[in-house]
Amino acid sequence: MPLYTPKYPYSTPEDAINWSLIILIFAGILIIIVLITVFFVIPIYAEKFLNDRMLGEVGSFFNNNYQYTCASDFYNCANFNTKAQAQAVFDYCEQRGRGDIHRLDTDGNGKACENLD
């Protein structure tokens, strides 16, 4: 009979968790996510933001700072980037009693250059 019997029997330790490997895998996944964001996601949103901002400034230029020519057929739909810009010219000439002098409303429904985006 042994002299000392331990209260808790000895068991072999379980394999230790390899924290350095877990951290490396996590860091690799994080780096991949950051690279995807920087090279694919951010450029898409930046391009959309810049396009919207540029079109907003062009639209404000057309709506606020420019006196349109309504004396003769000077504009056509190819002169505008958006329906809003064409509509601003159309409305401007309508308000001055010149009607659709530029023929921007081909079907006569009061909406200019409906083929634009």
Protein backbone atom coordinates (compact mmCIF):
# COMPACT_ATOMS: atom_id res chain seq x y z
CA MET A 1 0.00 0.00 0.00
CA PRO A 2 1.39 3.40 -0.96
CA LEU A 3 2.32 5.80 1.76
CA TYR A 4 0.45 8.68 0.19
CA THR A 5 -2.66 8.53 -1.93
CA PRO A 6 -3.37 11.81 -3.68
CA LYS A 7 -6.80 13.26 -3.27
CA TYR A 8 -7.03 13.96 -7.01
CA PRO A 9 -5.54 11.40 -9.31
CA TYR A 10 -2.95 12.56 -11.85
CA SER A 11 -4.09 13.00 -15.45
CA THR A 12 -2.04 13.97 -18.48
CA PRO A 13 -2.47 17.60 -19.50
CA GLU A 14 -4.49 18.33 -22.61
CA ASP A 15 -2.81 19.85 -25.60
CA ALA A 16 -2.16 23.50 -25.05
CA ILE A 17 -3.89 26.00 -27.33
CA ASN A 18 -1.49 27.43 -29.85
CA TRP A 19 -2.40 31.11 -29.43
CA SER A 20 0.28 32.34 -31.79
CA LEU A 21 -1.24 30.33 -34.65
CA ILE A 22 -4.74 31.61 -33.84
CA ILE A 23 -3.48 35.22 -33.78
CA LEU A 24 -1.67 34.76 -37.11
CA ILE A 25 -4.78 33.32 -38.76
CA PHE A 26 -6.95 36.12 -37.37
CA ALA A 27 -4.43 38.77 -38.51
CA GLY A 28 -4.31 37.22 -41.99
CA ILE A 29 -8.09 37.27 -42.30
CA LEU A 30 -8.17 40.87 -41.07
CA ILE A 31 -5.52 41.91 -43.60
CA ILE A 32 -7.47 40.27 -46.42
CA ILE A 33 -10.66 42.11 -45.38
CA VAL A 34 -8.81 45.44 -45.23
CA LEU A 35 -7.24 44.88 -48.67
CA ILE A 36 -10.59 43.99 -50.23
CA THR A 37 -12.13 47.10 -48.69
CA VAL A 38 -9.32 49.41 -49.81
CA PHE A 39 -9.05 48.12 -53.37
CA PHE A 40 -12.65 47.24 -54.20
CA VAL A 41 -15.23 48.78 -51.87
CA ILE A 42 -13.84 52.25 -51.20
CA PRO A 43 -13.19 53.11 -54.88
CA ILE A 44 -16.79 52.27 -55.78
CA TYR A 45 -18.18 54.56 -53.06
CA ALA A 46 -15.61 57.27 -53.76
CA GLU A 47 -16.47 57.29 -57.46
CA LYS A 48 -20.20 57.47 -56.70
CA PHE A 49 -19.65 60.26 -54.15
CA LEU A 50 -17.50 62.29 -56.54
CA ASN A 51 -19.91 61.79 -59.44
CA ASP A 52 -22.89 62.83 -57.31
CA ARG A 53 -21.02 65.84 -56.00
CA MET A 54 -19.85 66.89 -59.45
CA LEU A 55 -23.35 66.52 -60.90
CA GLY A 56 -24.73 68.49 -57.96
CA GLU A 57 -22.35 71.33 -58.65
CA VAL A 58 -23.13 71.24 -62.37
CA GLY A 59 -26.82 71.19 -61.55
CA SER A 60 -26.52 74.17 -59.22
CA PHE A 61 -24.56 75.98 -61.92
CA PHE A 62 -27.30 75.31 -64.43
CA ASN A 63 -30.08 76.17 -61.97
CA ASN A 64 -28.66 79.26 -60.29
CA ASN A 65 -25.82 80.97 -62.09
CA TYR A 66 -26.64 80.81 -65.75
CA GLN A 67 -29.02 82.82 -67.87
CA TYR A 68 -30.16 80.55 -70.66
CA THR A 69 -30.60 81.62 -74.25
CA CYS A 70 -34.24 81.50 -75.23
CA ALA A 71 -34.05 83.65 -78.37
CA SER A 72 -33.36 80.76 -80.74
CA ASP A 73 -32.92 76.98 -80.88
CA PHE A 74 -29.55 76.87 -79.11
CA TYR A 75 -29.65 73.71 -76.94
CA ASN A 76 -30.42 70.06 -77.60
CA CYS A 77 -30.53 67.03 -75.30
CA ALA A 78 -26.89 66.16 -76.02
CA ASN A 79 -25.86 69.38 -74.21
CA PHE A 80 -27.07 68.01 -70.85
CA ASN A 81 -25.93 65.22 -68.54
CA THR A 82 -29.21 64.80 -66.66
CA LYS A 83 -32.92 65.28 -67.12
CA ALA A 84 -32.85 67.89 -64.34
CA GLN A 85 -30.46 70.13 -66.26
CA ALA A 86 -32.52 69.91 -69.43
CA GLN A 87 -35.71 70.49 -67.45
CA ALA A 88 -34.18 73.64 -65.90
CA VAL A 89 -33.56 75.12 -69.37
CA PHE A 90 -36.99 74.02 -70.54
CA ASP A 91 -38.70 75.60 -67.52
CA TYR A 92 -36.61 78.78 -67.80
CA CYS A 93 -37.73 79.39 -71.39
CA GLU A 94 -41.33 78.39 -70.60
CA GLN A 95 -41.45 80.97 -67.78
CA ARG A 96 -40.26 83.68 -70.16
CA GLY A 97 -43.03 82.91 -72.64
CA ARG A 98 -40.79 81.37 -75.30
CA GLY A 99 -42.22 77.86 -74.96
CA ASP A 100 -40.12 74.89 -76.02
CA ILE A 101 -37.85 76.93 -78.28
CA HIS A 102 -35.09 74.29 -78.07
CA ARG A 103 -37.41 71.35 -78.80
CA LEU A 104 -36.33 69.52 -75.64
CA ASP A 105 -39.82 68.08 -75.08
CA THR A 106 -40.44 65.99 -78.19
CA ASP A 107 -43.75 64.47 -77.08
CA GLY A 108 -45.24 67.64 -75.53
CA ASN A 109 -45.82 66.25 -72.03
CA GLY A 110 -43.81 68.98 -70.29
CA LYS A 111 -40.81 66.75 -69.51
CA ALA A 112 -37.56 67.62 -71.25
CA CYS A 113 -35.09 65.05 -72.63
CA GLU A 114 -36.76 61.97 -71.22
CA ASN A 115 -34.13 59.73 -72.80
CA LEU A 116 -31.45 61.00 -70.36
CA ASP A 117 -30.74 59.16 -67.09
